[in-house]
Amino acid sequence: MTARRLLPAILFAAGATSAVADQPLTGEEFMRQVGVDLETVEVRTETLAPGVHVLFGAGGNVLASIGEDGVLIVDDQFPPVVPKLEAAIGELGGGEIDFVVNTHWHFDHAKGNQVLGAEGSWIVAHENSREMLTADRRINLVSRVVAQPAYPRRALPVITFDSGIRFHLNGDTIDVMHFAPAHTSGDAAVLLREANVVHMGDVFRAGGYPFIDADNGGSIDGLIEFVDGVLAQTNVSTVVVPGHGEVASQADLLAYAAMLRKVRARIARLIADGATLDEVIAAAPTAEFDEAYGNPALLVDRAYASLVKLRD
């Protein structure tokens, strides 16, 4: 299994027990535990449209717009991987990275900020993501916790937005959009309108259930609202880049949205009837989708947590 497939698979498996680990891991320790060596990982590229490419390495997928106006990337993985991303961009005809858009603040998508910010790249993120990066945080993966220390000043976003921001770059209109707190409190989708490519961050994981960071502002209701917002901006030909996994289509995103609605309705109904988390798990609210999306334990646990907060 490749590194880009291994991480989401382990994330889903992490929900197999409801006992949170006593000792939090660093992001690098977590990657080692799931079998990813950041020093030796290789970066693979796939061209989606002229000047638009997706880069697979370790952590979240990276989208790159490369052209006469410069280089914009979406997400930046880990510091040891950044030179490999830069080398791949160079091979694709790009130069220095001018802009980095963080889809959210989690370590496997944004820790490369610590290199690129110091190199002079302009880092862009939702206001809530910047706020989350200014203090020590913990990411509750149910069976383990990953500690994310506050980022140094040079690694913080220097441009932030609330509902959205637009770039006119490399002959494309690039809309960075926020529809609701979803995977986290500060998610962004990045739509390259002329190329007809959208990067979803971890709001969408291809071939797997999502992780909802319910302890840091995420919710299943927000996830559904966010996906619906993106769907309204796309069409049947839109190429969908997930936070993890292979490139997908609008049809994949529509199926994902339908799955989320059904699972949300079932869990909410069980909660209304007074079901505990263990009883919800036993009821198997995702059963018909497990063959397509894998282990549901992490989704069920965190969706339950977000809906209980809503009730309370």
Protein backbone atom coordinates (compact mmCIF):
# COMPACT_ATOMS: atom_id res chain seq x y z
CA MET A 1 0.00 0.00 0.00
CA THR A 2 1.39 3.43 -0.93
CA ALA A 3 1.86 6.21 1.61
CA ARG A 4 -1.02 8.23 0.20
CA ARG A 5 -3.39 5.25 0.64
CA LEU A 6 -1.94 4.10 3.96
CA LEU A 7 -2.67 7.22 6.00
CA PRO A 8 -6.44 7.34 5.50
CA ALA A 9 -6.69 3.60 6.01
CA ILE A 10 -4.98 3.87 9.39
CA LEU A 11 -7.02 6.91 10.35
CA PHE A 12 -10.20 4.91 9.88
CA ALA A 13 -8.75 1.96 11.78
CA ALA A 14 -7.84 4.34 14.62
CA GLY A 15 -11.49 4.42 15.62
CA ALA A 16 -11.54 0.74 16.55
CA THR A 17 -11.59 1.53 20.26
CA SER A 18 -13.13 4.38 22.22
CA ALA A 19 -10.22 4.56 24.67
CA VAL A 20 -8.20 7.71 23.98
CA ALA A 21 -4.46 7.23 24.26
CA ASP A 22 -2.94 8.71 27.41
CA GLN A 23 0.22 9.98 25.73
CA PRO A 24 -0.32 12.22 22.69
CA LEU A 25 1.85 11.67 19.65
CA THR A 26 3.61 14.23 17.54
CA GLY A 27 2.61 14.34 13.90
CA GLU A 28 5.91 12.73 12.92
CA GLU A 29 5.45 9.94 15.49
CA PHE A 30 1.99 9.31 14.16
CA MET A 31 3.31 9.00 10.62
CA ARG A 32 5.98 6.55 11.77
CA GLN A 33 3.33 4.49 13.57
CA VAL A 34 1.34 4.17 10.35
CA GLY A 35 4.44 3.18 8.43
CA VAL A 36 5.27 6.40 6.56
CA ASP A 37 8.94 7.47 6.43
CA LEU A 38 8.91 11.21 5.69
CA GLU A 39 12.58 11.17 4.70
CA THR A 40 12.23 8.53 1.99
CA VAL A 41 8.71 9.17 0.69
CA GLU A 42 8.54 9.86 -3.04
CA VAL A 43 6.35 12.48 -4.68
CA ARG A 44 4.24 11.46 -7.67
CA THR A 45 2.48 13.95 -9.94
CA GLU A 46 -0.66 13.74 -12.04
CA THR A 47 -1.67 16.42 -14.54
CA LEU A 48 -5.35 17.38 -14.36
CA ALA A 49 -5.43 20.28 -16.86
CA PRO A 50 -2.84 22.50 -18.55
CA GLY A 51 -0.73 23.97 -15.74
CA VAL A 52 -2.77 22.20 -13.04
CA HIS A 53 -1.36 19.18 -11.25
CA VAL A 54 -1.92 17.09 -8.13
CA LEU A 55 1.12 15.95 -6.13
CA PHE A 56 0.95 12.82 -3.98
CA GLY A 57 3.51 12.43 -1.21
CA ALA A 58 2.96 12.01 2.54
CA GLY A 59 -0.10 13.61 4.08
CA GLY A 60 -2.76 15.59 2.28
CA ASN A 61 -2.84 15.79 -1.49
CA VAL A 62 -1.24 18.94 -2.93
CA LEU A 63 -2.81 20.81 -5.85
CA ALA A 64 -0.55 23.09 -7.90
CA SER A 65 -1.34 25.87 -10.39
CA ILE A 66 1.78 26.62 -12.41
CA GLY A 67 2.01 29.30 -15.07
CA GLU A 68 3.33 32.66 -16.18
CA ASP A 69 2.00 34.41 -13.06
CA GLY A 70 3.78 32.04 -10.67
CA VAL A 71 2.97 29.05 -8.51
CA LEU A 72 0.06 28.54 -6.14
CA ILE A 73 -0.27 25.31 -4.17
CA VAL A 74 -3.03 23.96 -1.97
CA ASP A 75 -1.65 22.33 1.20
CA ASP A 76 2.01 21.54 1.82
CA GLN A 77 2.36 18.30 3.83
CA PHE A 78 5.48 18.09 6.09
CA PRO A 79 8.81 19.96 6.25
CA PRO A 80 10.93 16.99 5.05
CA VAL A 81 8.62 16.59 2.04
CA VAL A 82 8.62 20.26 0.97
CA PRO A 83 11.94 20.07 -0.96
CA LYS A 84 10.53 17.09 -2.86
CA LEU A 85 7.37 19.03 -3.67
CA GLU A 86 9.51 21.95 -4.83
CA ALA A 87 11.60 19.65 -7.02
CA ALA A 88 8.47 18.15 -8.58
CA ILE A 89 7.08 21.62 -9.26
CA GLY A 90 10.38 22.55 -10.89
CA GLU A 91 10.15 19.52 -13.16
CA LEU A 92 6.65 20.67 -14.13
CA GLY A 93 8.01 24.05 -15.20
CA GLY A 94 7.38 26.04 -12.03
CA GLY A 95 9.67 28.18 -9.92
CA GLU A 96 9.41 29.31 -6.32
CA ILE A 97 6.08 28.80 -4.58
CA ASP A 98 4.34 32.17 -4.38
CA PHE A 99 1.14 31.23 -2.56
CA VAL A 100 0.14 28.38 -0.24
CA VAL A 101 -3.53 27.86 0.58
CA ASN A 102 -4.17 25.74 3.68
CA THR A 103 -7.42 23.77 3.40
CA HIS A 104 -7.25 23.49 7.20
CA TRP A 105 -4.73 23.46 10.02
CA HIS A 106 -3.99 19.77 10.68
CA PHE A 107 -0.36 18.68 10.74
CA ASP A 108 -0.50 16.45 7.66
CA HIS A 109 -1.76 19.31 5.48
CA ALA A 110 -0.10 22.44 6.84
CA LYS A 111 3.16 21.66 8.61
CA GLY A 112 5.08 22.46 5.43
CA ASN A 113 4.18 26.08 6.29
CA GLN A 114 7.17 25.99 8.60
CA VAL A 115 9.48 25.76 5.59
CA LEU A 116 7.56 27.72 2.98
CA GLY A 117 6.69 30.62 5.25
CA ALA A 118 10.37 31.10 6.05
CA GLU A 119 11.15 30.94 2.32
CA GLY A 120 8.78 33.81 1.63
CA SER A 121 5.63 32.10 0.35
CA TRP A 122 2.37 33.91 1.14
CA ILE A 123 0.24 31.59 3.26
CA VAL A 124 -3.54 31.86 2.99
CA ALA A 125 -6.14 30.23 5.26
CA HIS A 126 -9.53 30.65 6.85
CA GLU A 127 -9.49 32.92 9.91
CA ASN A 128 -10.33 29.99 12.20
CA SER A 129 -7.46 27.91 10.83
CA ARG A 130 -4.99 30.69 11.56
CA GLU A 131 -6.39 30.98 15.07
CA MET A 132 -6.00 27.23 15.62
CA LEU A 133 -2.35 27.44 14.54
CA THR A 134 -1.52 30.12 17.14
CA ALA A 135 -1.89 27.84 20.18
CA ASP A 136 -1.15 24.25 21.22
CA ARG A 137 -3.90 21.88 20.05
CA ARG A 138 -4.83 18.22 20.33
CA ILE A 139 -6.45 16.16 17.60
CA ASN A 140 -8.62 13.38 19.03
CA LEU A 141 -8.48 10.33 16.77
CA VAL A 142 -10.37 8.31 19.43
CA SER A 143 -7.81 5.53 19.90
CA ARG A 144 -4.93 8.01 19.90
CA VAL A 145 -4.32 11.73 20.21
CA VAL A 146 -1.95 13.81 18.11
CA ALA A 147 -0.54 16.94 19.75
CA GLN A 148 0.04 19.91 17.47
CA PRO A 149 2.11 22.69 19.05
CA ALA A 150 1.56 26.33 18.10
CA TYR A 151 3.31 27.29 14.88
CA PRO A 152 6.09 29.89 14.83
CA ARG A 153 5.11 33.30 13.46
CA ARG A 154 6.74 32.75 10.06
CA ALA A 155 4.60 29.61 9.53
CA LEU A 156 1.27 31.34 10.17
CA PRO A 157 -1.10 32.44 7.41
CA VAL A 158 -0.57 36.09 6.53
CA ILE A 159 -3.78 36.38 4.49
CA THR A 160 -7.06 35.16 5.97
CA PHE A 161 -10.68 35.18 4.90
CA ASP A 162 -14.15 34.51 6.29
CA SER A 163 -16.45 33.20 3.54
CA GLY A 164 -14.02 33.33 0.64
CA ILE A 165 -11.23 34.95 -1.33
CA ARG A 166 -10.48 35.02 -5.08
CA PHE A 167 -7.21 34.81 -7.02
CA HIS A 168 -6.76 35.71 -10.67
CA LEU A 169 -3.68 33.68 -11.52
CA ASN A 170 -2.26 31.76 -14.46
CA GLY A 171 -5.30 32.49 -16.62
CA ASP A 172 -7.66 30.99 -14.04
CA THR A 173 -10.18 32.27 -11.54
CA ILE A 174 -9.33 30.54 -8.28
CA ASP A 175 -12.01 30.72 -5.59
CA VAL A 176 -11.13 29.73 -2.03
CA MET A 177 -14.44 29.02 -0.31
CA HIS A 178 -15.71 28.32 3.21
CA PHE A 179 -19.29 27.16 3.68
CA ALA A 180 -19.43 25.93 7.30
CA PRO A 181 -17.31 24.40 10.06
CA ALA A 182 -17.06 20.85 8.71
CA HIS A 183 -13.95 18.66 9.12
CA THR A 184 -12.64 21.45 11.38
CA SER A 185 -13.81 24.98 12.21
CA GLY A 186 -11.81 26.52 9.37
CA ASP A 187 -12.05 24.44 6.20
CA ALA A 188 -11.48 25.72 2.68
CA ALA A 189 -12.30 24.29 -0.73
CA VAL A 190 -10.28 25.64 -3.66
CA LEU A 191 -12.00 25.79 -7.05
CA LEU A 192 -10.05 26.53 -10.23
CA ARG A 193 -12.98 27.60 -12.38
CA GLU A 194 -11.47 27.54 -15.85
CA ALA A 195 -9.59 24.29 -15.22
CA ASN A 196 -12.75 22.91 -13.54
CA VAL A 197 -10.82 21.35 -10.67
CA VAL A 198 -11.70 21.58 -6.98
CA HIS A 199 -9.58 20.62 -3.96
CA MET A 200 -11.77 19.57 -1.01
CA GLY A 201 -9.24 19.14 1.78
CA ASP A 202 -10.34 16.58 4.35
CA VAL A 203 -14.00 17.48 3.96
CA PHE A 204 -13.84 14.70 1.35
CA ARG A 205 -11.71 11.56 1.42
CA ALA A 206 -11.87 9.41 -1.69
CA GLY A 207 -12.94 5.85 -0.93
CA GLY A 208 -13.11 6.36 2.82
CA TYR A 209 -15.25 7.78 5.58
CA PRO A 210 -14.34 11.28 6.79
CA PHE A 211 -12.80 12.17 10.12
CA ILE A 212 -14.76 14.89 11.92
CA ASP A 213 -12.60 16.83 14.38
CA ALA A 214 -15.53 17.33 16.74
CA ASP A 215 -13.27 18.57 19.54
CA ASN A 216 -12.06 21.44 17.33
CA GLY A 217 -15.25 22.74 15.75
CA GLY A 218 -16.06 20.04 13.21
CA SER A 219 -19.52 18.51 12.83
CA ILE A 220 -21.38 16.13 10.57
CA ASP A 221 -24.01 18.79 9.89
CA GLY A 222 -21.30 21.20 8.79
CA LEU A 223 -19.71 18.50 6.66
CA ILE A 224 -22.98 18.00 4.78
CA GLU A 225 -23.51 21.75 4.37
CA PHE A 226 -19.96 22.20 3.09
CA VAL A 227 -20.21 19.38 0.54
CA ASP A 228 -23.54 20.75 -0.67
CA GLY A 229 -21.95 24.18 -1.06
CA VAL A 230 -19.17 22.78 -3.22
CA LEU A 231 -21.57 20.68 -5.30
CA ALA A 232 -23.53 23.83 -6.14
CA GLN A 233 -20.33 25.31 -7.61
CA THR A 234 -19.39 22.28 -9.74
CA ASN A 235 -20.71 20.25 -12.67
CA VAL A 236 -20.54 16.72 -14.04
CA SER A 237 -17.11 17.38 -15.56
CA THR A 238 -15.47 18.80 -12.42
CA VAL A 239 -12.34 16.98 -11.26
CA VAL A 240 -12.45 16.53 -7.49
CA VAL A 241 -9.19 16.35 -5.53
CA PRO A 242 -9.79 14.81 -2.10
CA GLY A 243 -7.74 15.46 0.99
CA HIS A 244 -6.47 11.87 0.73
CA GLY A 245 -6.85 9.25 -1.95
CA GLU A 246 -7.10 9.24 -5.72
CA VAL A 247 -8.65 11.96 -7.85
CA ALA A 248 -12.44 11.66 -8.01
CA SER A 249 -15.48 13.08 -9.81
CA GLN A 250 -18.62 15.03 -9.02
CA ALA A 251 -20.51 11.72 -9.12
CA ASP A 252 -18.26 10.44 -6.31
CA LEU A 253 -18.96 13.58 -4.31
CA LEU A 254 -22.73 13.24 -4.85
CA ALA A 255 -22.62 9.64 -3.59
CA TYR A 256 -20.57 10.77 -0.59
CA ALA A 257 -23.12 13.48 0.24
CA ALA A 258 -25.97 10.96 0.06
CA MET A 259 -24.08 8.62 2.37
CA LEU A 260 -23.47 11.39 4.92
CA ARG A 261 -27.16 12.32 4.97
CA LYS A 262 -28.32 8.76 5.59
CA VAL A 263 -25.75 8.09 8.29
CA ARG A 264 -26.47 11.41 10.00
CA ALA A 265 -30.22 10.73 10.03
CA ARG A 266 -29.75 7.26 11.52
CA ILE A 267 -27.38 8.39 14.26
CA ALA A 268 -29.59 11.37 15.13
CA ARG A 269 -32.65 9.13 15.38
CA LEU A 270 -30.81 6.76 17.72
CA ILE A 271 -29.65 9.67 19.89
CA ALA A 272 -33.22 10.99 20.05
CA ASP A 273 -34.27 7.56 21.31
CA GLY A 274 -31.66 7.79 24.08
CA ALA A 275 -29.02 5.50 22.58
CA THR A 276 -25.51 5.54 24.01
CA LEU A 277 -22.44 5.57 21.78
CA ASP A 278 -22.01 1.82 22.22
CA GLU A 279 -25.63 1.28 21.25
CA VAL A 280 -25.22 3.46 18.17
CA ILE A 281 -22.14 1.48 17.15
CA ALA A 282 -24.03 -1.79 17.68
CA ALA A 283 -26.86 -0.54 15.46
CA ALA A 284 -24.40 -0.33 12.52
CA PRO A 285 -25.78 2.87 10.96
CA THR A 286 -23.25 2.70 8.11
CA ALA A 287 -23.59 -0.99 7.22
CA GLU A 288 -24.68 -0.57 3.60
CA PHE A 289 -21.75 1.77 2.89
CA ASP A 290 -18.90 -0.08 4.60
CA GLU A 291 -17.87 -2.03 1.52
CA ALA A 292 -17.29 1.23 -0.35
CA TYR A 293 -15.90 3.38 2.48
CA GLY A 294 -14.21 0.96 4.88
CA ASN A 295 -14.06 1.02 8.67
CA PRO A 296 -16.79 3.34 10.01
CA ALA A 297 -15.72 3.44 13.67
CA LEU A 298 -14.04 6.85 13.62
CA LEU A 299 -16.88 8.48 11.68
CA VAL A 300 -19.57 7.05 13.96
CA ASP A 301 -17.75 8.08 17.14
CA ARG A 302 -17.07 11.65 16.01
CA ALA A 303 -20.45 12.13 14.31
CA TYR A 304 -22.11 11.00 17.54
CA ALA A 305 -19.98 13.46 19.51
CA SER A 306 -20.92 16.36 17.22
CA LEU A 307 -24.65 15.54 17.34
CA VAL A 308 -24.65 15.16 21.12
CA LYS A 309 -23.07 18.62 21.38
CA LEU A 310 -25.84 19.96 19.16
CA ARG A 311 -28.50 18.37 21.37
CA ASP A 312 -26.91 19.68 24.57
